């Protein structure tokens, strides 16, 4: 018999509704001890996926009107009997209800314990469980769609396909060892190597898409770099939607780094407006220029701003040299003025805007294209956590070792060991073979009540 756990599953504070969730063998009986329906029907007698209206009460009397939702095992989120008691939203009333539930026999749920029970009862695998937190913490519509795809099994399906290819490799090597003289395609070393290369490529794509998905979840540190008076601060204010940076016609107005996080399309940019990069004898300006160069070196994305109304200067060329090899976009600004800039020396992806006029749609699209998030559709399998990435990375490295072993002329036994290590990593990713310590660590990151 499982212990019946309970927790508040809605955000604390004032709201339209507050819900306490119970899960376990005694969920119905415990709920009946503190709930009376207006119809007189007991929760224990209700069918799954039905609701009752009534009142909840504690040792000190009535608490509030309530709706009881009943989910019968095994067709519930956790796979156990689940009851959700919903009252009017408010910190006091939900805490009083939770106290009454504990007094009636439930115990406090741990962090992520409802989802952990769903995992333990086979309602979802570990990768799907982690996607639940990705759904909750999604930072934009595209991030949410990818998390929902993982929750629906898209990632698990991709891992299963990779796993099956590795199992086919294992089977082929076993047959090859027993019947080395048979002339069958599935017994050839070329067939084995072809499958291993296919697995390697699939894992490469998963790891690449993880980096893209991480951008949607965590955003990008972004430096706005440029010579003095090219419109960096105006661009900062446009993206921030506020007069965050001081804008004047005087070169050198910005001397220190101004920071702001903004949402552009589906990506969060942690912007840094920097001092104009140029040669100067002014001590304060020199410090600002030095900080701008340092920020450019550490930024994940650079927006290099150029003035379309003037010719490319030596300062502009130094900036191009400074950011060579970085992930950068050339923002050709001041398109509302007559163009004098010859942009043939600028080989970066370019966008032409007038920051003063207030148009950044094309910049948003170019950023998504440049960092690779534009190609992440909801049908893509995307790893959802660093734990999953680590498993996929180990599997990919083991497959690479297997291919290298074949190319070096090693025996198939050595290749098989590497393939088995890759399989173990993939099974750990989905939770088919995972230690309790790993599972506990995954669910410890969940909120209580989920």
Protein backbone atom coordinates (compact mmCIF):
# COMPACT_ATOMS: atom_id res chain seq x y z
CA UNK A 1 0.00 0.00 0.00
CA UNK A 2 1.38 3.39 -1.01
CA UNK A 3 1.50 6.31 1.40
CA UNK A 4 -0.98 9.02 0.49
CA UNK A 5 0.78 12.31 -0.18
CA UNK A 6 -0.67 15.81 -0.44
CA UNK A 7 0.48 19.28 -1.42
CA UNK A 8 -0.82 22.59 -2.71
CA UNK A 9 -0.53 22.37 -6.51
CA UNK A 10 -1.46 25.96 -7.39
CA UNK A 11 0.69 29.07 -6.84
CA UNK A 12 0.56 30.56 -3.35
CA UNK A 13 -1.27 33.86 -2.97
CA UNK A 14 -4.55 35.36 -4.16
CA UNK A 15 -6.20 33.88 -7.24
CA UNK A 16 -9.40 32.50 -8.65
CA UNK A 17 -8.75 29.00 -7.35
CA UNK A 18 -6.50 27.12 -4.95
CA UNK A 19 -6.01 23.36 -5.24
CA UNK A 20 -4.71 20.70 -2.88
CA UNK A 21 -3.82 17.42 -4.57
CA UNK A 22 -3.79 13.98 -2.92
CA UNK A 23 -2.36 10.78 -4.40
CA UNK A 24 -2.21 7.29 -2.96
CA UNK A 25 -4.30 4.29 -1.94
CA UNK A 26 -6.10 6.26 0.79
CA UNK A 27 -6.65 9.45 -1.23
CA UNK A 28 -10.41 8.97 -1.50
CA UNK A 29 -10.90 7.91 2.13
CA UNK A 30 -8.84 10.81 3.47
CA UNK A 31 -10.68 13.31 1.28
CA UNK A 32 -14.03 11.94 2.53
CA UNK A 33 -12.99 12.77 6.12
CA UNK A 34 -12.86 16.50 5.35
CA UNK A 35 -15.35 16.88 2.47
CA UNK A 36 -19.13 16.71 2.38
CA UNK A 37 -20.88 16.92 -1.01
CA UNK A 38 -24.22 18.70 -1.29
CA UNK A 39 -25.64 15.55 -2.87
CA UNK A 40 -24.47 13.39 0.02
CA UNK A 41 -22.39 11.23 -2.31
CA UNK A 42 -19.01 10.15 -1.03
CA UNK A 43 -15.76 10.58 -2.94
CA UNK A 44 -15.02 6.89 -2.31
CA UNK A 45 -18.17 5.95 -4.27
CA UNK A 46 -17.61 8.34 -7.18
CA UNK A 47 -16.37 7.17 -10.56
CA UNK A 48 -13.07 8.35 -11.98
CA UNK A 49 -13.04 11.60 -13.93
CA UNK A 50 -16.07 12.98 -12.10
CA UNK A 51 -16.57 15.97 -9.82
CA UNK A 52 -18.53 16.66 -6.63
CA UNK A 53 -19.48 20.03 -5.15
CA UNK A 54 -19.63 20.58 -1.41
CA UNK A 55 -17.73 21.94 1.57
CA UNK A 56 -14.40 21.19 3.18
CA UNK A 57 -13.89 21.44 6.91
CA UNK A 58 -11.20 20.98 9.52
CA UNK A 59 -11.00 20.52 13.27
CA UNK A 60 -12.09 24.15 13.75
CA UNK A 61 -15.12 23.94 11.47
CA UNK A 62 -15.93 24.81 7.86
CA UNK A 63 -13.11 26.07 5.66
CA UNK A 64 -14.76 26.88 2.32
CA UNK A 65 -16.94 25.64 -0.49
CA UNK A 66 -15.03 23.19 -2.65
CA UNK A 67 -15.05 21.07 -5.78
CA UNK A 68 -13.59 17.57 -5.54
CA UNK A 69 -12.18 16.06 -8.74
CA UNK A 70 -11.67 12.30 -8.65
CA UNK A 71 -9.17 10.41 -10.84
CA UNK A 72 -9.23 6.63 -10.40
CA UNK A 73 -6.16 4.42 -10.61
CA UNK A 74 -4.57 3.50 -12.92
CA UNK A 75 -5.94 6.18 -15.28
CA UNK A 76 -4.57 9.16 -13.38
CA UNK A 77 -1.46 11.32 -13.62
CA UNK A 78 0.38 9.31 -10.97
CA UNK A 79 -1.22 5.94 -11.74
CA UNK A 80 -2.74 5.98 -8.23
CA UNK A 81 -6.07 7.24 -6.91
CA UNK A 82 -5.89 11.04 -7.08
CA UNK A 83 -8.24 13.62 -5.57
CA UNK A 84 -7.96 17.35 -6.18
CA UNK A 85 -9.81 19.63 -3.76
CA UNK A 86 -10.27 23.14 -5.14
CA UNK A 87 -11.34 26.13 -3.05
CA UNK A 88 -11.38 29.88 -3.59
CA UNK A 89 -7.83 31.05 -4.25
CA UNK A 90 -6.01 32.54 -1.29
CA UNK A 91 -2.97 31.72 0.78
CA UNK A 92 -4.91 31.31 4.06
CA UNK A 93 -7.72 29.09 2.77
CA UNK A 94 -5.42 26.73 0.86
CA UNK A 95 -3.06 26.38 3.84
CA UNK A 96 -6.05 25.61 6.12
CA UNK A 97 -7.25 23.01 3.64
CA UNK A 98 -3.80 21.41 3.43
CA UNK A 99 -3.59 21.28 7.24
CA UNK A 100 -6.98 19.54 7.35
CA UNK A 101 -5.79 17.00 4.78
CA UNK A 102 -2.71 16.24 6.89
CA UNK A 103 -4.84 15.89 10.03
CA UNK A 104 -7.02 13.42 8.12
CA UNK A 105 -4.05 11.15 7.42
CA UNK A 106 -2.08 12.37 4.40
CA UNK A 107 1.65 13.14 4.55
CA UNK A 108 3.48 16.06 2.89
CA UNK A 109 4.61 15.40 -0.67
CA UNK A 110 8.26 15.89 -1.48
CA UNK A 111 9.57 17.98 -4.38
CA UNK A 112 8.27 16.47 -7.61
CA UNK A 113 6.84 13.44 -5.81
CA UNK A 114 3.62 13.30 -7.86
CA UNK A 115 5.60 13.13 -11.10
CA UNK A 116 8.08 10.73 -9.51
CA UNK A 117 5.22 8.36 -8.73
CA UNK A 118 4.02 8.70 -12.33
CA UNK A 119 7.52 7.61 -13.41
CA UNK A 120 7.65 4.74 -10.93
CA UNK A 121 4.20 3.54 -12.00
CA UNK A 122 5.10 3.54 -15.69
CA UNK A 123 2.92 6.49 -16.67
CA UNK A 124 5.89 8.25 -18.27
CA UNK A 125 9.62 7.67 -18.62
CA UNK A 126 12.33 9.81 -17.10
CA UNK A 127 12.84 11.93 -20.21
CA UNK A 128 9.10 12.64 -20.40
CA UNK A 129 9.05 13.46 -16.68
CA UNK A 130 11.78 16.05 -17.13
CA UNK A 131 9.77 17.64 -19.93
CA UNK A 132 7.07 18.46 -17.37
CA UNK A 133 9.40 20.97 -15.73
CA UNK A 134 10.33 22.28 -19.16
CA UNK A 135 6.65 22.95 -19.83
CA UNK A 136 6.28 24.79 -16.53
CA UNK A 137 9.40 26.91 -17.05
CA UNK A 138 8.95 27.54 -20.80
CA UNK A 139 10.11 31.04 -21.76
CA UNK A 140 8.23 31.37 -25.05
CA UNK A 141 5.83 29.67 -27.46
CA UNK A 142 8.57 27.85 -29.37
CA UNK A 143 10.20 26.61 -26.15
CA UNK A 144 6.77 25.42 -24.97
CA UNK A 145 6.08 23.54 -28.22
CA UNK A 146 9.40 21.69 -27.94
CA UNK A 147 8.68 20.77 -24.31
CA UNK A 148 5.21 19.51 -25.25
CA UNK A 149 6.74 17.44 -28.06
CA UNK A 150 9.12 15.84 -25.55
CA UNK A 151 6.24 15.21 -23.12
CA UNK A 152 4.23 13.51 -25.88
CA UNK A 153 7.11 11.10 -26.54
CA UNK A 154 8.86 12.65 -29.55
CA UNK A 155 12.26 12.53 -27.82
CA UNK A 156 11.65 9.07 -26.38
CA UNK A 157 10.69 7.83 -29.84
CA UNK A 158 13.92 9.18 -31.33
CA UNK A 159 15.97 7.56 -28.56
CA UNK A 160 14.12 4.27 -29.13
CA UNK A 161 15.02 4.37 -32.84
CA UNK A 162 18.69 4.95 -32.01
CA UNK A 163 18.59 2.19 -29.40
CA UNK A 164 17.08 -0.27 -31.91
CA UNK A 165 19.87 0.48 -34.40
CA UNK A 166 22.45 -0.27 -31.71
CA UNK A 167 20.65 -3.49 -30.79
CA UNK A 168 20.75 -4.45 -34.47
CA UNK A 169 24.50 -3.83 -34.43
CA UNK A 170 24.87 -6.03 -31.33
CA UNK A 171 22.84 -8.80 -32.96
CA UNK A 172 24.85 -8.58 -36.19
CA UNK A 173 28.14 -8.82 -34.32
CA UNK A 174 26.89 -11.85 -32.41
CA UNK A 175 25.90 -13.60 -35.63
CA UNK A 176 29.13 -12.52 -37.33
CA UNK A 177 31.14 -14.08 -34.50
CA UNK A 178 29.24 -17.40 -34.86
CA UNK A 179 29.06 -17.49 -38.67
CA UNK A 180 32.02 -15.48 -40.03
CA UNK A 181 32.02 -17.26 -43.41
CA UNK A 182 28.38 -16.60 -44.31
CA UNK A 183 27.91 -14.07 -47.13
CA UNK A 184 24.94 -12.13 -45.72
CA UNK A 185 24.57 -8.29 -45.73
CA UNK A 186 23.71 -8.18 -42.02
CA UNK A 187 26.87 -10.11 -41.22
CA UNK A 188 29.28 -7.75 -43.00
CA UNK A 189 31.51 -5.30 -41.17
CA UNK A 190 30.39 -2.65 -43.66
CA UNK A 191 26.80 -3.14 -42.49
CA UNK A 192 27.87 -2.79 -38.86
CA UNK A 193 29.90 0.33 -39.54
CA UNK A 194 27.08 1.88 -41.59
CA UNK A 195 24.66 1.46 -38.68
CA UNK A 196 27.16 2.86 -36.19
CA UNK A 197 27.71 5.93 -38.39
CA UNK A 198 23.94 6.39 -38.62
CA UNK A 199 23.67 6.29 -34.83
CA UNK A 200 26.56 8.75 -34.46
CA UNK A 201 24.90 11.21 -36.86
CA UNK A 202 21.57 10.97 -35.02
CA UNK A 203 23.26 11.67 -31.69
CA UNK A 204 25.20 14.56 -33.24
CA UNK A 205 21.89 16.12 -34.29
CA UNK A 206 20.36 15.62 -30.84
CA UNK A 207 23.32 17.36 -29.20
CA UNK A 208 23.21 20.19 -31.74
CA UNK A 209 19.48 20.70 -31.19
CA UNK A 210 20.03 20.72 -27.43
CA UNK A 211 22.27 23.76 -27.78
CA UNK A 212 19.58 25.45 -29.87
CA UNK A 213 16.85 24.57 -27.39
CA UNK A 214 18.99 25.84 -24.53
CA UNK A 215 19.01 29.26 -26.19
CA UNK A 216 15.20 29.30 -26.06
CA UNK A 217 15.23 28.28 -22.38
CA UNK A 218 18.06 30.44 -21.08
CA UNK A 219 18.57 33.21 -23.63
CA UNK A 220 21.80 34.71 -24.95
CA UNK A 221 24.31 37.12 -23.49
CA UNK A 222 24.37 39.77 -26.20
CA UNK A 223 26.79 42.68 -26.67
CA UNK A 224 25.91 45.73 -28.74
CA UNK A 225 29.24 46.83 -30.24
CA UNK A 226 30.09 49.67 -32.55
CA UNK A 227 32.02 52.86 -33.15
CA UNK A 228 30.82 56.07 -31.44
CA UNK A 229 27.53 57.55 -32.61
CA UNK A 230 26.40 54.70 -34.85
CA UNK A 231 23.16 54.28 -32.89
CA UNK A 232 24.00 51.57 -30.34
CA UNK A 233 22.06 53.22 -27.52
CA UNK A 234 19.11 53.94 -29.82
CA UNK A 235 19.07 50.25 -30.74
CA UNK A 236 19.24 49.33 -27.04
CA UNK A 237 16.25 51.56 -26.29
CA UNK A 238 14.32 50.14 -29.24
CA UNK A 239 14.82 46.55 -28.10
CA UNK A 240 14.19 47.39 -24.43
CA UNK A 241 11.07 49.37 -25.27
CA UNK A 242 12.25 52.16 -22.98
CA UNK A 243 14.82 54.94 -22.77
CA UNK A 244 17.30 52.65 -21.04
CA UNK A 245 20.41 54.32 -22.51
CA UNK A 246 21.12 58.03 -22.86
CA UNK A 247 21.09 59.12 -26.50
CA UNK A 248 22.79 62.34 -27.68
CA UNK A 249 24.57 63.44 -30.87
CA UNK A 250 27.78 63.70 -28.83
CA UNK A 251 30.28 60.88 -29.42
CA UNK A 252 31.26 59.04 -26.25
CA UNK A 253 27.97 59.55 -24.38
CA UNK A 254 27.94 55.89 -23.29
CA UNK A 255 31.03 55.25 -21.18
CA UNK A 256 29.99 52.23 -19.13
CA UNK A 257 28.03 49.09 -19.88
CA UNK A 258 24.22 49.38 -19.69
CA UNK A 259 22.47 46.03 -19.20
CA UNK A 260 18.89 44.93 -19.82
CA UNK A 261 17.10 41.64 -20.56
CA UNK A 262 14.62 41.83 -23.42
CA UNK A 263 12.39 39.38 -25.25
CA UNK A 264 12.84 39.41 -29.02
CA UNK A 265 10.62 36.89 -30.74
CA UNK A 266 11.13 33.60 -28.87
CA UNK A 267 14.61 34.48 -27.59
CA UNK A 268 15.63 36.35 -24.44
CA UNK A 269 18.59 38.64 -25.08
CA UNK A 270 20.64 39.71 -22.07
CA UNK A 271 21.72 42.93 -23.70
CA UNK A 272 24.79 45.00 -22.91
CA UNK A 273 25.04 48.45 -24.50
CA UNK A 274 28.76 49.27 -24.58
CA UNK A 275 30.92 52.31 -25.08
CA UNK A 276 31.87 53.25 -28.65
CA UNK A 277 35.03 51.43 -29.72
CA UNK A 278 37.61 53.96 -30.93
CA UNK A 279 41.07 55.36 -30.26
CA UNK A 280 41.00 57.87 -27.40
CA UNK A 281 43.31 59.64 -24.95
CA UNK A 282 40.50 60.20 -22.46
CA UNK A 283 41.17 57.94 -19.45
CA UNK A 284 37.48 57.33 -18.67
CA UNK A 285 36.60 56.63 -22.30
CA UNK A 286 39.57 54.29 -22.56
CA UNK A 287 38.23 52.22 -19.65
CA UNK A 288 34.81 52.08 -21.35
CA UNK A 289 36.36 50.96 -24.64
CA UNK A 290 38.36 48.26 -22.85
CA UNK A 291 35.22 46.96 -21.14
CA UNK A 292 33.38 46.95 -24.46
CA UNK A 293 36.11 44.80 -26.02
CA UNK A 294 36.06 42.40 -23.06
CA UNK A 295 32.29 42.06 -23.27
CA UNK A 296 32.52 41.35 -27.00
CA UNK A 297 34.92 38.48 -26.32
CA UNK A 298 32.64 36.86 -23.73
CA UNK A 299 29.26 37.44 -25.42
CA UNK A 300 27.35 34.55 -27.00
CA UNK A 301 25.95 36.91 -29.63
CA UNK A 302 27.23 40.26 -30.92
CA UNK A 303 25.14 42.93 -32.57
CA UNK A 304 27.74 44.99 -34.43
CA UNK A 305 26.20 48.33 -35.35
CA UNK A 306 27.31 50.36 -38.38
CA UNK A 307 26.11 53.76 -39.63
CA UNK A 308 24.77 53.47 -43.19
CA UNK A 309 24.95 57.27 -43.63
CA UNK A 310 28.77 57.36 -43.47
CA UNK A 311 31.62 55.44 -45.01
CA UNK A 312 33.25 52.51 -43.25
CA UNK A 313 35.86 53.90 -40.84
CA UNK A 314 39.04 52.45 -39.38
CA UNK A 315 37.19 52.03 -36.08
CA UNK A 316 34.56 49.97 -37.94
CA UNK A 317 37.29 47.80 -39.45
CA UNK A 318 38.89 47.25 -36.02
CA UNK A 319 35.52 46.13 -34.72
CA UNK A 320 35.17 43.64 -37.58
CA UNK A 321 38.61 42.30 -36.72
CA UNK A 322 37.74 42.16 -33.00
CA UNK A 323 34.63 40.03 -33.53
CA UNK A 324 36.07 37.80 -36.26
CA UNK A 325 35.08 34.21 -35.48
CA UNK A 326 32.28 35.21 -33.11
CA UNK A 327 28.56 34.64 -33.58
CA UNK A 328 27.66 38.13 -34.81
CA UNK A 329 25.16 40.10 -36.85
CA UNK A 330 25.88 43.37 -38.62
CA UNK A 331 23.13 45.88 -37.86
CA UNK A 332 23.29 48.52 -40.59
CA UNK A 333 21.55 51.41 -38.86
CA UNK A 334 20.18 54.83 -39.89
CA UNK A 335 18.59 53.62 -43.12
CA UNK A 336 16.29 56.64 -42.88
CA UNK A 337 19.29 58.77 -44.01
CA UNK A 338 21.01 58.82 -47.45
CA UNK A 339 23.31 55.77 -47.65
CA UNK A 340 27.08 56.26 -47.99
CA UNK A 341 28.26 52.97 -46.52
CA UNK A 342 29.83 50.42 -48.86
CA UNK A 343 29.05 47.21 -46.98
CA UNK A 344 31.05 44.85 -49.19
CA UNK A 345 33.75 44.56 -46.48
CA UNK A 346 31.13 43.40 -43.98
CA UNK A 347 30.77 39.64 -44.50
CA UNK A 348 28.58 39.05 -41.44
CA UNK A 349 24.85 38.34 -41.74
CA UNK A 350 23.32 41.80 -42.23
CA UNK A 351 20.09 43.51 -41.35
CA UNK A 352 19.18 47.04 -42.39
CA UNK A 353 17.13 49.05 -39.91
CA UNK A 354 16.36 52.49 -38.62
CA UNK A 355 16.52 52.12 -34.85
CA UNK A 356 15.20 55.66 -34.56
CA UNK A 357 12.12 54.75 -36.61
CA UNK A 358 11.55 51.68 -34.44
CA UNK A 359 11.57 48.55 -36.60
CA UNK A 360 13.25 45.39 -35.29
CA UNK A 361 11.20 42.59 -36.89
CA UNK A 362 13.86 41.70 -39.46
CA UNK A 363 16.53 41.70 -36.75
CA UNK A 364 14.47 39.26 -34.67
CA UNK A 365 14.13 36.89 -37.63
CA UNK A 366 17.85 37.11 -38.49
CA UNK A 367 18.89 36.37 -34.90
CA UNK A 368 16.72 33.22 -34.86
CA UNK A 369 18.19 32.15 -38.20
CA UNK A 370 21.79 32.87 -37.13
CA UNK A 371 21.66 30.98 -33.81
CA UNK A 372 19.65 28.11 -35.32
CA UNK A 373 16.39 28.37 -33.38
CA UNK A 374 14.36 29.22 -36.49
CA UNK A 375 14.63 25.62 -37.69
CA UNK A 376 13.40 24.04 -34.46
CA UNK A 377 9.88 22.92 -35.25
CA UNK A 378 7.53 21.22 -32.82
CA UNK A 379 8.26 17.90 -34.55
CA UNK A 380 11.93 17.99 -33.52
CA UNK A 381 13.26 15.76 -30.75
CA UNK A 382 15.11 18.05 -28.36
CA UNK A 383 16.96 17.08 -25.19
CA UNK A 384 15.46 18.87 -22.19
CA UNK A 385 18.18 18.88 -19.51
CA UNK A 386 21.91 18.76 -18.87
CA UNK A 387 21.44 15.23 -17.53
CA UNK A 388 19.94 14.11 -20.83
CA UNK A 389 22.67 15.90 -22.75
CA UNK A 390 25.36 14.15 -20.67
CA UNK A 391 23.80 10.76 -21.45
CA UNK A 392 23.56 11.53 -25.16
CA UNK A 393 27.15 12.80 -25.17
CA UNK A 394 28.43 9.60 -23.51
CA UNK A 395 26.52 7.51 -26.02
CA UNK A 396 27.89 9.51 -28.94
CA UNK A 397 31.48 9.21 -27.67
CA UNK A 398 31.11 5.45 -27.19
CA UNK A 399 29.80 5.09 -30.75
CA UNK A 400 32.73 7.14 -32.04
CA UNK A 401 35.09 4.81 -30.19
CA UNK A 402 33.33 1.82 -31.76
CA UNK A 403 33.80 3.27 -35.26
CA UNK A 404 37.43 4.13 -34.54
CA UNK A 405 37.99 0.56 -33.30
CA UNK A 406 36.67 -0.85 -36.54
CA UNK A 407 38.81 1.52 -38.61
CA UNK A 408 41.86 0.51 -36.57
CA UNK A 409 41.23 -3.17 -37.26
CA UNK A 410 40.35 -4.14 -33.71
CA UNK A 411 38.27 -7.24 -33.05
CA UNK A 412 34.48 -7.01 -32.95
CA UNK A 413 34.60 -7.75 -29.22
CA UNK A 414 36.08 -4.29 -28.63
CA UNK A 415 33.47 -2.73 -30.92
CA UNK A 416 30.74 -4.55 -29.01
CA UNK A 417 31.92 -3.21 -25.67
CA UNK A 418 31.70 0.35 -26.99
CA UNK A 419 28.24 -0.27 -28.45
CA UNK A 420 27.05 -1.70 -25.12
CA UNK A 421 28.32 1.40 -23.30
CA UNK A 422 26.34 3.57 -25.72
CA UNK A 423 23.22 1.50 -25.05
CA UNK A 424 23.65 1.88 -21.28
CA UNK A 425 23.85 5.67 -21.65
CA UNK A 426 20.66 5.79 -23.73
CA UNK A 427 18.78 3.56 -21.30
CA UNK A 428 19.85 5.87 -18.48
CA UNK A 429 18.55 8.84 -20.49
CA UNK A 430 15.02 7.41 -20.67
CA UNK A 431 15.18 5.96 -17.16
CA UNK A 432 14.94 2.31 -18.25
CA UNK A 433 18.15 1.70 -16.33
CA UNK A 434 18.73 4.41 -13.77
CA UNK A 435 19.79 4.45 -10.14
CA UNK A 436 17.54 5.74 -7.38
CA UNK A 437 20.10 8.48 -6.72
CA UNK A 438 19.82 9.78 -10.28
CA UNK A 439 16.01 9.67 -10.18
CA UNK A 440 15.97 11.47 -6.82
CA UNK A 441 18.24 14.19 -8.22
CA UNK A 442 15.96 14.70 -11.24
CA UNK A 443 12.79 15.10 -9.17
CA UNK A 444 14.46 17.25 -6.50
CA UNK A 445 14.42 20.08 -9.05
CA UNK A 446 10.62 19.96 -9.31
CA UNK A 447 8.32 22.18 -7.32
CA UNK A 448 6.31 20.65 -4.46
CA UNK A 449 2.84 19.79 -5.74
CA UNK A 450 3.95 18.63 -9.20
